[in-house]
Amino acid sequence: MILITGHIILTPEHRECMIALGAEHSARSRSEPGCLAHNCHIDVENPDRLMFVEEWESVEAVRAHFALPASRAFVAEMRALSPQPPAIRIYAVEDITAKLMG
């Protein structure tokens, strides 16, 4: 499984627009092949940070997601609205819940 975490800084003048864009992007992404989960959240320790948590079946699914015009447009629009570039981390992970939780 591929796990992606990321965030972008919100600005007061674009806050509502950026949150709406994030929610729309997450909803659209959940309909893509290979997407297991895609959500955005407000950071409770920094309410000016919009967080993203994504789970994907494979690297190929992530590559297809990033190649979509809608995904590229989303990133470009968010970059234009934020004072800082978005941060993103991509991990290959193994689910060990059953091993730890029995």
PDB file of N, CA and C in Angstrom:
ATOM      1  N   MET A   1       0.847  -1.174   0.000  1.00  0.00           N
ATOM      2  CA  MET A   1       0.000   0.000   0.000  1.00  0.00           C
ATOM      3  C   MET A   1       0.896   1.242   0.000  1.00  0.00           C
ATOM      4  N   ILE A   2       0.411   2.280  -0.633  1.00  0.00           N
ATOM      5  CA  ILE A   2       1.107   3.564  -0.657  1.00  0.00           C
ATOM      6  C   ILE A   2       0.340   4.530   0.241  1.00  0.00           C
ATOM      7  N   LEU A   3       1.049   5.176   1.133  1.00  0.00           N
ATOM      8  CA  LEU A   3       0.478   6.176   2.030  1.00  0.00           C
ATOM      9  C   LEU A   3       1.066   7.535   1.659  1.00  0.00           C
ATOM     10  N   ILE A   4       0.203   8.503   1.486  1.00  0.00           N
ATOM     11  CA  ILE A   4       0.647   9.863   1.167  1.00  0.00           C
ATOM     12  C   ILE A   4       0.126  10.795   2.249  1.00  0.00           C
ATOM     13  N   THR A   5       1.020  11.623   2.770  1.00  0.00           N
ATOM     14  CA  THR A   5       0.617  12.692   3.675  1.00  0.00           C
ATOM     15  C   THR A   5       1.084  14.000   3.072  1.00  0.00           C
ATOM     16  N   GLY A   6       0.330  15.023   3.324  1.00  0.00           N
ATOM     17  CA  GLY A   6       0.716  16.335   2.811  1.00  0.00           C
ATOM     18  C   GLY A   6      -0.043  17.434   3.523  1.00  0.00           C
ATOM     19  N   HIS A   7       0.412  18.642   3.307  1.00  0.00           N
ATOM     20  CA  HIS A   7      -0.311  19.789   3.855  1.00  0.00           C
ATOM     21  C   HIS A   7      -0.021  21.035   3.030  1.00  0.00           C
ATOM     22  N   ILE A   8      -0.901  21.989   3.210  1.00  0.00           N
ATOM     23  CA  ILE A   8      -0.723  23.297   2.600  1.00  0.00           C
ATOM     24  C   ILE A   8      -1.216  24.346   3.592  1.00  0.00           C
ATOM     25  N   ILE A   9      -0.592  25.501   3.577  1.00  0.00           N
ATOM     26  CA  ILE A   9      -0.955  26.582   4.489  1.00  0.00           C
ATOM     27  C   ILE A   9      -2.092  27.401   3.884  1.00  0.00           C
ATOM     28  N   LEU A  10      -3.117  27.618   4.699  1.00  0.00           N
ATOM     29  CA  LEU A  10      -4.262  28.423   4.287  1.00  0.00           C
ATOM     30  C   LEU A  10      -3.993  29.898   4.577  1.00  0.00           C
ATOM     31  N   THR A  11      -4.599  30.766   3.796  1.00  0.00           N
ATOM     32  CA  THR A  11      -4.525  32.203   4.041  1.00  0.00           C
ATOM     33  C   THR A  11      -5.926  32.697   4.372  1.00  0.00           C
ATOM     34  N   PRO A  12      -6.046  33.719   5.219  1.00  0.00           N
ATOM     35  CA  PRO A  12      -7.381  34.199   5.607  1.00  0.00           C
ATOM     36  C   PRO A  12      -8.268  34.564   4.414  1.00  0.00           C
ATOM     37  N   GLU A  13      -7.695  35.207   3.415  1.00  0.00           N
ATOM     38  CA  GLU A  13      -8.495  35.647   2.273  1.00  0.00           C
ATOM     39  C   GLU A  13      -8.929  34.522   1.344  1.00  0.00           C
ATOM     40  N   HIS A  14      -8.230  33.381   1.397  1.00  0.00           N
ATOM     41  CA  HIS A  14      -8.555  32.247   0.516  1.00  0.00           C
ATOM     42  C   HIS A  14      -8.966  30.994   1.287  1.00  0.00           C
ATOM     43  N   ARG A  15      -9.090  31.102   2.586  1.00  0.00           N
ATOM     44  CA  ARG A  15      -9.331  29.943   3.450  1.00  0.00           C
ATOM     45  C   ARG A  15     -10.506  29.082   2.974  1.00  0.00           C
ATOM     46  N   GLU A  16     -11.670  29.660   2.852  1.00  0.00           N
ATOM     47  CA  GLU A  16     -12.870  28.888   2.494  1.00  0.00           C
ATOM     48  C   GLU A  16     -12.744  28.270   1.105  1.00  0.00           C
ATOM     49  N   CYS A  17     -12.178  29.004   0.187  1.00  0.00           N
ATOM     50  CA  CYS A  17     -11.971  28.492  -1.168  1.00  0.00           C
ATOM     51  C   CYS A  17     -11.013  27.309  -1.154  1.00  0.00           C
ATOM     52  N   MET A  18      -9.927  27.419  -0.403  1.00  0.00           N
ATOM     53  CA  MET A  18      -8.929  26.357  -0.351  1.00  0.00           C
ATOM     54  C   MET A  18      -9.492  25.095   0.309  1.00  0.00           C
ATOM     55  N   ILE A  19     -10.287  25.277   1.366  1.00  0.00           N
ATOM     56  CA  ILE A  19     -10.916  24.125   2.015  1.00  0.00           C
ATOM     57  C   ILE A  19     -11.873  23.446   1.047  1.00  0.00           C
ATOM     58  N   ALA A  20     -12.658  24.226   0.328  1.00  0.00           N
ATOM     59  CA  ALA A  20     -13.587  23.653  -0.656  1.00  0.00           C
ATOM     60  C   ALA A  20     -12.835  22.923  -1.763  1.00  0.00           C
ATOM     61  N   LEU A  21     -11.746  23.513  -2.244  1.00  0.00           N
ATOM     62  CA  LEU A  21     -10.940  22.843  -3.272  1.00  0.00           C
ATOM     63  C   LEU A  21     -10.378  21.518  -2.752  1.00  0.00           C
ATOM     64  N   GLY A  22      -9.898  21.522  -1.507  1.00  0.00           N
ATOM     65  CA  GLY A  22      -9.357  20.298  -0.918  1.00  0.00           C
ATOM     66  C   GLY A  22     -10.414  19.213  -0.788  1.00  0.00           C
ATOM     67  N   ALA A  23     -11.595  19.592  -0.332  1.00  0.00           N
ATOM     68  CA  ALA A  23     -12.683  18.621  -0.185  1.00  0.00           C
ATOM     69  C   ALA A  23     -13.118  18.071  -1.538  1.00  0.00           C
ATOM     70  N   GLU A  24     -13.202  18.942  -2.545  1.00  0.00           N
ATOM     71  CA  GLU A  24     -13.574  18.494  -3.896  1.00  0.00           C
ATOM     72  C   GLU A  24     -12.517  17.542  -4.453  1.00  0.00           C
ATOM     73  N   HIS A  25     -11.253  17.882  -4.257  1.00  0.00           N
ATOM     74  CA  HIS A  25     -10.166  17.033  -4.751  1.00  0.00           C
ATOM     75  C   HIS A  25     -10.198  15.660  -4.083  1.00  0.00           C
ATOM     76  N   SER A  26     -10.399  15.635  -2.767  1.00  0.00           N
ATOM     77  CA  SER A  26     -10.465  14.364  -2.061  1.00  0.00           C
ATOM     78  C   SER A  26     -11.640  13.527  -2.558  1.00  0.00           C
ATOM     79  N   ALA A  27     -12.802  14.128  -2.706  1.00  0.00           N
ATOM     80  CA  ALA A  27     -13.980  13.393  -3.184  1.00  0.00           C
ATOM     81  C   ALA A  27     -13.744  12.841  -4.583  1.00  0.00           C
ATOM     82  N   ARG A  28     -13.176  13.653  -5.462  1.00  0.00           N
ATOM     83  CA  ARG A  28     -12.885  13.210  -6.830  1.00  0.00           C
ATOM     84  C   ARG A  28     -11.867  12.072  -6.826  1.00  0.00           C
ATOM     85  N   SER A  29     -10.847  12.208  -6.004  1.00  0.00           N
ATOM     86  CA  SER A  29      -9.784  11.203  -5.949  1.00  0.00           C
ATOM     87  C   SER A  29     -10.302   9.860  -5.453  1.00  0.00           C
ATOM     88  N   ARG A  30     -11.256   9.867  -4.520  1.00  0.00           N
ATOM     89  CA  ARG A  30     -11.795   8.606  -3.998  1.00  0.00           C
ATOM     90  C   ARG A  30     -12.482   7.777  -5.075  1.00  0.00           C
ATOM     91  N   SER A  31     -12.865   8.402  -6.182  1.00  0.00           N
ATOM     92  CA  SER A  31     -13.517   7.654  -7.256  1.00  0.00           C
ATOM     93  C   SER A  31     -12.513   7.053  -8.252  1.00  0.00           C
ATOM     94  N   GLU A  32     -11.246   7.341  -8.068  1.00  0.00           N
ATOM     95  CA  GLU A  32     -10.228   6.854  -8.999  1.00  0.00           C
ATOM     96  C   GLU A  32      -9.849   5.406  -8.711  1.00  0.00           C
ATOM     97  N   PRO A  33      -9.501   4.652  -9.754  1.00  0.00           N
ATOM     98  CA  PRO A  33      -9.045   3.273  -9.549  1.00  0.00           C
ATOM     99  C   PRO A  33      -7.819   3.243  -8.636  1.00  0.00           C
ATOM    100  N   GLY A  34      -7.843   2.351  -7.670  1.00  0.00           N
ATOM    101  CA  GLY A  34      -6.695   2.181  -6.790  1.00  0.00           C
ATOM    102  C   GLY A  34      -6.688   3.071  -5.563  1.00  0.00           C
ATOM    103  N   CYS A  35      -7.642   4.000  -5.463  1.00  0.00           N
ATOM    104  CA  CYS A  35      -7.698   4.870  -4.279  1.00  0.00           C
ATOM    105  C   CYS A  35      -8.468   4.150  -3.181  1.00  0.00           C
ATOM    106  N   LEU A  36      -7.814   3.940  -2.049  1.00  0.00           N
ATOM    107  CA  LEU A  36      -8.437   3.294  -0.900  1.00  0.00           C
ATOM    108  C   LEU A  36      -9.024   4.310   0.067  1.00  0.00           C
ATOM    109  N   ALA A  37      -8.402   5.477   0.144  1.00  0.00           N
ATOM    110  CA  ALA A  37      -8.871   6.562   1.016  1.00  0.00           C
ATOM    111  C   ALA A  37      -8.192   7.847   0.578  1.00  0.00           C
ATOM    112  N   HIS A  38      -8.915   8.956   0.720  1.00  0.00           N
ATOM    113  CA  HIS A  38      -8.359  10.274   0.386  1.00  0.00           C
ATOM    114  C   HIS A  38      -9.178  11.297   1.148  1.00  0.00           C
ATOM    115  N   ASN A  39      -8.546  11.928   2.133  1.00  0.00           N
ATOM    116  CA  ASN A  39      -9.267  12.873   2.979  1.00  0.00           C
ATOM    117  C   ASN A  39      -8.425  14.095   3.283  1.00  0.00           C
ATOM    118  N   CYS A  40      -9.104  15.208   3.527  1.00  0.00           N
ATOM    119  CA  CYS A  40      -8.412  16.405   3.995  1.00  0.00           C
ATOM    120  C   CYS A  40      -9.014  16.826   5.332  1.00  0.00           C
ATOM    121  N   HIS A  41      -8.164  17.396   6.168  1.00  0.00           N
ATOM    122  CA  HIS A  41      -8.540  17.748   7.534  1.00  0.00           C
ATOM    123  C   HIS A  41      -7.858  19.066   7.910  1.00  0.00           C
ATOM    124  N   ILE A  42      -8.498  19.806   8.789  1.00  0.00           N
ATOM    125  CA  ILE A  42      -7.848  20.976   9.394  1.00  0.00           C
ATOM    126  C   ILE A  42      -6.991  20.477  10.555  1.00  0.00           C
ATOM    127  N   ASP A  43      -5.763  20.908  10.614  1.00  0.00           N
ATOM    128  CA  ASP A  43      -4.841  20.549  11.695  1.00  0.00           C
ATOM    129  C   ASP A  43      -5.334  21.218  12.986  1.00  0.00           C
ATOM    130  N   VAL A  44      -5.649  20.434  14.005  1.00  0.00           N
ATOM    131  CA  VAL A  44      -6.182  21.005  15.246  1.00  0.00           C
ATOM    132  C   VAL A  44      -5.128  21.792  16.028  1.00  0.00           C
ATOM    133  N   GLU A  45      -3.862  21.578  15.739  1.00  0.00           N
ATOM    134  CA  GLU A  45      -2.810  22.346  16.398  1.00  0.00           C
ATOM    135  C   GLU A  45      -2.418  23.585  15.617  1.00  0.00           C
ATOM    136  N   ASN A  46      -2.761  23.617  14.328  1.00  0.00           N
ATOM    137  CA  ASN A  46      -2.498  24.776  13.480  1.00  0.00           C
ATOM    138  C   ASN A  46      -3.662  24.900  12.507  1.00  0.00           C
ATOM    139  N   PRO A  47      -4.697  25.665  12.860  1.00  0.00           N
ATOM    140  CA  PRO A  47      -5.892  25.740  12.020  1.00  0.00           C
ATOM    141  C   PRO A  47      -5.669  26.399  10.656  1.00  0.00           C
ATOM    142  N   ASP A  48      -4.465  26.880  10.415  1.00  0.00           N
ATOM    143  CA  ASP A  48      -4.130  27.428   9.097  1.00  0.00           C
ATOM    144  C   ASP A  48      -3.449  26.400   8.206  1.00  0.00           C
ATOM    145  N   ARG A  49      -3.447  25.132   8.640  1.00  0.00           N
ATOM    146  CA  ARG A  49      -2.823  24.076   7.841  1.00  0.00           C
ATOM    147  C   ARG A  49      -3.902  23.060   7.455  1.00  0.00           C
ATOM    148  N   LEU A  50      -4.031  22.840   6.153  1.00  0.00           N
ATOM    149  CA  LEU A  50      -4.944  21.838   5.615  1.00  0.00           C
ATOM    150  C   LEU A  50      -4.130  20.581   5.346  1.00  0.00           C
ATOM    151  N   MET A  51      -4.504  19.485   6.008  1.00  0.00           N
ATOM    152  CA  MET A  51      -3.759  18.235   5.932  1.00  0.00           C
ATOM    153  C   MET A  51      -4.445  17.269   4.968  1.00  0.00           C
ATOM    154  N   PHE A  52      -3.656  16.464   4.280  1.00  0.00           N
ATOM    155  CA  PHE A  52      -4.167  15.425   3.393  1.00  0.00           C
ATOM    156  C   PHE A  52      -3.586  14.083   3.816  1.00  0.00           C
ATOM    157  N   VAL A  53      -4.428  13.063   3.847  1.00  0.00           N
ATOM    158  CA  VAL A  53      -4.006  11.695   4.125  1.00  0.00           C
ATOM    159  C   VAL A  53      -4.646  10.822   3.050  1.00  0.00           C
ATOM    160  N   GLU A  54      -3.801  10.076   2.347  1.00  0.00           N
ATOM    161  CA  GLU A  54      -4.266   9.260   1.228  1.00  0.00           C
ATOM    162  C   GLU A  54      -3.714   7.851   1.351  1.00  0.00           C
ATOM    163  N   GLU A  55      -4.514   6.875   0.917  1.00  0.00           N
ATOM    164  CA  GLU A  55      -4.065   5.486   0.826  1.00  0.00           C
ATOM    165  C   GLU A  55      -4.366   4.999  -0.579  1.00  0.00           C
ATOM    166  N   TRP A  56      -3.370   4.378  -1.199  1.00  0.00           N
ATOM    167  CA  TRP A  56      -3.488   3.888  -2.572  1.00  0.00           C
ATOM    168  C   TRP A  56      -3.038   2.443  -2.642  1.00  0.00           C
ATOM    169  N   GLU A  57      -3.609   1.691  -3.562  1.00  0.00           N
ATOM    170  CA  GLU A  57      -3.258   0.284  -3.734  1.00  0.00           C
ATOM    171  C   GLU A  57      -1.840   0.086  -4.257  1.00  0.00           C
ATOM    172  N   SER A  58      -1.367   1.007  -5.119  1.00  0.00           N
ATOM    173  CA  SER A  58      -0.079   0.779  -5.780  1.00  0.00           C
ATOM    174  C   SER A  58       0.555   2.084  -6.243  1.00  0.00           C
ATOM    175  N   VAL A  59       1.833   1.976  -6.559  1.00  0.00           N
ATOM    176  CA  VAL A  59       2.560   3.108  -7.135  1.00  0.00           C
ATOM    177  C   VAL A  59       1.934   3.506  -8.470  1.00  0.00           C
ATOM    178  N   GLU A  60       1.505   2.516  -9.239  1.00  0.00           N
ATOM    179  CA  GLU A  60       0.888   2.800 -10.547  1.00  0.00           C
ATOM    180  C   GLU A  60      -0.385   3.627 -10.385  1.00  0.00           C
ATOM    181  N   ALA A  61      -1.177   3.326  -9.362  1.00  0.00           N
ATOM    182  CA  ALA A  61      -2.395   4.104  -9.113  1.00  0.00           C
ATOM    183  C   ALA A  61      -2.053   5.545  -8.744  1.00  0.00           C
ATOM    184  N   VAL A  62      -0.992   5.726  -7.965  1.00  0.00           N
ATOM    185  CA  VAL A  62      -0.558   7.083  -7.591  1.00  0.00           C
ATOM    186  C   VAL A  62      -0.061   7.827  -8.827  1.00  0.00           C
ATOM    187  N   ARG A  63       0.713   7.170  -9.651  1.00  0.00           N
ATOM    188  CA  ARG A  63       1.203   7.822 -10.877  1.00  0.00           C
ATOM    189  C   ARG A  63       0.039   8.250 -11.765  1.00  0.00           C
ATOM    190  N   ALA A  64      -0.957   7.389 -11.905  1.00  0.00           N
ATOM    191  CA  ALA A  64      -2.132   7.725 -12.719  1.00  0.00           C
ATOM    192  C   ALA A  64      -2.876   8.910 -12.107  1.00  0.00           C
ATOM    193  N   HIS A  65      -2.984   8.942 -10.800  1.00  0.00           N
ATOM    194  CA  HIS A  65      -3.635  10.059 -10.099  1.00  0.00           C
ATOM    195  C   HIS A  65      -2.905  11.376 -10.364  1.00  0.00           C
ATOM    196  N   PHE A  66      -1.593  11.365 -10.197  1.00  0.00           N
ATOM    197  CA  PHE A  66      -0.810  12.588 -10.401  1.00  0.00           C
ATOM    198  C   PHE A  66      -0.819  13.043 -11.858  1.00  0.00           C
ATOM    199  N   ALA A  67      -1.040  12.136 -12.789  1.00  0.00           N
ATOM    200  CA  ALA A  67      -1.034  12.473 -14.216  1.00  0.00           C
ATOM    201  C   ALA A  67      -2.350  13.088 -14.689  1.00  0.00           C
ATOM    202  N   LEU A  68      -3.402  12.971 -13.899  1.00  0.00           N
ATOM    203  CA  LEU A  68      -4.705  13.505 -14.323  1.00  0.00           C
ATOM    204  C   LEU A  68      -4.686  15.030 -14.405  1.00  0.00           C
ATOM    205  N   PRO A  69      -5.287  15.598 -15.447  1.00  0.00           N
ATOM    206  CA  PRO A  69      -5.369  17.061 -15.541  1.00  0.00           C
ATOM    207  C   PRO A  69      -6.028  17.693 -14.313  1.00  0.00           C
ATOM    208  N   ALA A  70      -7.038  17.055 -13.750  1.00  0.00           N
ATOM    209  CA  ALA A  70      -7.712  17.616 -12.572  1.00  0.00           C
ATOM    210  C   ALA A  70      -6.771  17.670 -11.367  1.00  0.00           C
ATOM    211  N   SER A  71      -5.917  16.669 -11.209  1.00  0.00           N
ATOM    212  CA  SER A  71      -4.958  16.669 -10.104  1.00  0.00           C
ATOM    213  C   SER A  71      -3.905  17.754 -10.299  1.00  0.00           C
ATOM    214  N   ARG A  72      -3.434  17.893 -11.515  1.00  0.00           N
ATOM    215  CA  ARG A  72      -2.436  18.938 -11.803  1.00  0.00           C
ATOM    216  C   ARG A  72      -3.027  20.333 -11.606  1.00  0.00           C
ATOM    217  N   ALA A  73      -4.274  20.519 -12.027  1.00  0.00           N
ATOM    218  CA  ALA A  73      -4.942  21.817 -11.865  1.00  0.00           C
ATOM    219  C   ALA A  73      -5.146  22.128 -10.387  1.00  0.00           C
ATOM    220  N   PHE A  74      -5.509  21.127  -9.601  1.00  0.00           N
ATOM    221  CA  PHE A  74      -5.692  21.316  -8.162  1.00  0.00           C
ATOM    222  C   PHE A  74      -4.405  21.810  -7.509  1.00  0.00           C
ATOM    223  N   VAL A  75      -3.297  21.147  -7.794  1.00  0.00           N
ATOM    224  CA  VAL A  75      -2.016  21.538  -7.200  1.00  0.00           C
ATOM    225  C   VAL A  75      -1.640  22.961  -7.629  1.00  0.00           C
ATOM    226  N   ALA A  76      -1.810  23.274  -8.890  1.00  0.00           N
ATOM    227  CA  ALA A  76      -1.463  24.617  -9.383  1.00  0.00           C
ATOM    228  C   ALA A  76      -2.311  25.682  -8.713  1.00  0.00           C
ATOM    229  N   GLU A  77      -3.597  25.410  -8.561  1.00  0.00           N
ATOM    230  CA  GLU A  77      -4.482  26.401  -7.944  1.00  0.00           C
ATOM    231  C   GLU A  77      -4.153  26.584  -6.470  1.00  0.00           C
ATOM    232  N   MET A  78      -3.903  25.505  -5.769  1.00  0.00           N
ATOM    233  CA  MET A  78      -3.560  25.623  -4.348  1.00  0.00           C
ATOM    234  C   MET A  78      -2.231  26.346  -4.167  1.00  0.00           C
ATOM    235  N   ARG A  79      -1.262  26.062  -5.018  1.00  0.00           N
ATOM    236  CA  ARG A  79       0.034  26.769  -4.934  1.00  0.00           C
ATOM    237  C   ARG A  79      -0.150  28.268  -5.117  1.00  0.00           C
ATOM    238  N   ALA A  80      -1.028  28.640  -6.023  1.00  0.00           N
ATOM    239  CA  ALA A  80      -1.253  30.062  -6.288  1.00  0.00           C
ATOM    240  C   ALA A  80      -1.928  30.764  -5.109  1.00  0.00           C
ATOM    241  N   LEU A  81      -2.673  30.022  -4.301  1.00  0.00           N
ATOM    242  CA  LEU A  81      -3.417  30.620  -3.188  1.00  0.00           C
ATOM    243  C   LEU A  81      -2.668  30.603  -1.862  1.00  0.00           C
ATOM    244  N   SER A  82      -1.636  29.784  -1.755  1.00  0.00           N
ATOM    245  CA  SER A  82      -0.928  29.613  -0.487  1.00  0.00           C
ATOM    246  C   SER A  82       0.373  30.409  -0.470  1.00  0.00           C
ATOM    247  N   PRO A  83       0.782  30.883   0.716  1.00  0.00           N
ATOM    248  CA  PRO A  83       2.066  31.592   0.810  1.00  0.00           C
ATOM    249  C   PRO A  83       3.268  30.660   0.756  1.00  0.00           C
ATOM    250  N   GLN A  84       3.032  29.352   0.890  1.00  0.00           N
ATOM    251  CA  GLN A  84       4.123  28.365   0.872  1.00  0.00           C
ATOM    252  C   GLN A  84       3.757  27.234  -0.085  1.00  0.00           C
ATOM    253  N   PRO A  85       4.744  26.602  -0.697  1.00  0.00           N
ATOM    254  CA  PRO A  85       4.437  25.442  -1.535  1.00  0.00           C
ATOM    255  C   PRO A  85       3.891  24.305  -0.676  1.00  0.00           C
ATOM    256  N   PRO A  86       3.090  23.436  -1.253  1.00  0.00           N
ATOM    257  CA  PRO A  86       2.579  22.301  -0.480  1.00  0.00           C
ATOM    258  C   PRO A  86       3.712  21.346  -0.111  1.00  0.00           C
ATOM    259  N   ALA A  87       3.527  20.658   1.010  1.00  0.00           N
ATOM    260  CA  ALA A  87       4.466  19.622   1.444  1.00  0.00           C
ATOM    261  C   ALA A  87       3.821  18.277   1.174  1.00  0.00           C
ATOM    262  N   ILE A  88       4.602  17.312   0.709  1.00  0.00           N
ATOM    263  CA  ILE A  88       4.078  15.982   0.428  1.00  0.00           C
ATOM    264  C   ILE A  88       5.136  14.943   0.762  1.00  0.00           C
ATOM    265  N   ARG A  89       4.677  13.831   1.338  1.00  0.00           N
ATOM    266  CA  ARG A  89       5.542  12.683   1.612  1.00  0.00           C
ATOM    267  C   ARG A  89       4.809  11.444   1.110  1.00  0.00           C
ATOM    268  N   ILE A  90       5.531  10.558   0.440  1.00  0.00           N
ATOM    269  CA  ILE A  90       4.941   9.350  -0.127  1.00  0.00           C
ATOM    270  C   ILE A  90       5.701   8.153   0.433  1.00  0.00           C
ATOM    271  N   TYR A  91       4.949   7.209   1.000  1.00  0.00           N
ATOM    272  CA  TYR A  91       5.539   6.062   1.664  1.00  0.00           C
ATOM    273  C   TYR A  91       4.977   4.760   1.098  1.00  0.00           C
ATOM    274  N   ALA A  92       5.799   3.732   1.007  1.00  0.00           N
ATOM    275  CA  ALA A  92       5.344   2.371   0.767  1.00  0.00           C
ATOM    276  C   ALA A  92       5.229   1.730   2.142  1.00  0.00           C
ATOM    277  N   VAL A  93       4.040   1.217   2.484  1.00  0.00           N
ATOM    278  CA  VAL A  93       3.809   0.725   3.843  1.00  0.00           C
ATOM    279  C   VAL A  93       3.190  -0.666   3.831  1.00  0.00           C
ATOM    280  N   GLU A  94       3.319  -1.324   4.964  1.00  0.00           N
ATOM    281  CA  GLU A  94       2.694  -2.619   5.191  1.00  0.00           C
ATOM    282  C   GLU A  94       1.733  -2.456   6.361  1.00  0.00           C
ATOM    283  N   ASP A  95       0.516  -2.912   6.199  1.00  0.00           N
ATOM    284  CA  ASP A  95      -0.467  -2.860   7.276  1.00  0.00           C
ATOM    285  C   ASP A  95      -0.188  -4.004   8.249  1.00  0.00           C
ATOM    286  N   ILE A  96       0.194  -3.647   9.474  1.00  0.00           N
ATOM    287  CA  ILE A  96       0.505  -4.661  10.482  1.00  0.00           C
ATOM    288  C   ILE A  96      -0.501  -4.640  11.635  1.00  0.00           C
ATOM    289  N   THR A  97      -1.670  -4.093  11.394  1.00  0.00           N
ATOM    290  CA  THR A  97      -2.706  -3.999  12.427  1.00  0.00           C
ATOM    291  C   THR A  97      -2.996  -5.362  13.058  1.00  0.00           C
ATOM    292  N   ALA A  98      -3.241  -6.365  12.226  1.00  0.00           N
ATOM    293  CA  ALA A  98      -3.579  -7.693  12.745  1.00  0.00           C
ATOM    294  C   ALA A  98      -2.444  -8.277  13.581  1.00  0.00           C
ATOM    295  N   LYS A  99      -1.213  -8.023  13.195  1.00  0.00           N
ATOM    296  CA  LYS A  99      -0.062  -8.536  13.957  1.00  0.00           C
ATOM    297  C   LYS A  99       0.001  -7.908  15.341  1.00  0.00           C
ATOM    298  N   LEU A 100      -0.325  -6.620  15.427  1.00  0.00           N
ATOM    299  CA  LEU A 100      -0.229  -5.916  16.707  1.00  0.00           C
ATOM    300  C   LEU A 100      -1.480  -6.040  17.558  1.00  0.00           C
ATOM    301  N   MET A 101      -2.631  -6.113  16.914  1.00  0.00           N
ATOM    302  CA  MET A 101      -3.890  -6.075  17.636  1.00  0.00           C
ATOM    303  C   MET A 101      -4.513  -7.454  17.831  1.00  0.00           C
ATOM    304  N   GLY A 102      -3.917  -8.474  17.193  1.00  0.00           N
ATOM    305  CA  GLY A 102      -4.414  -9.835  17.348  1.00  0.00           C
ATOM    306  C   GLY A 102      -5.585 -10.066  16.536  1.00  0.00           C
TER     307      GLY A 102
END
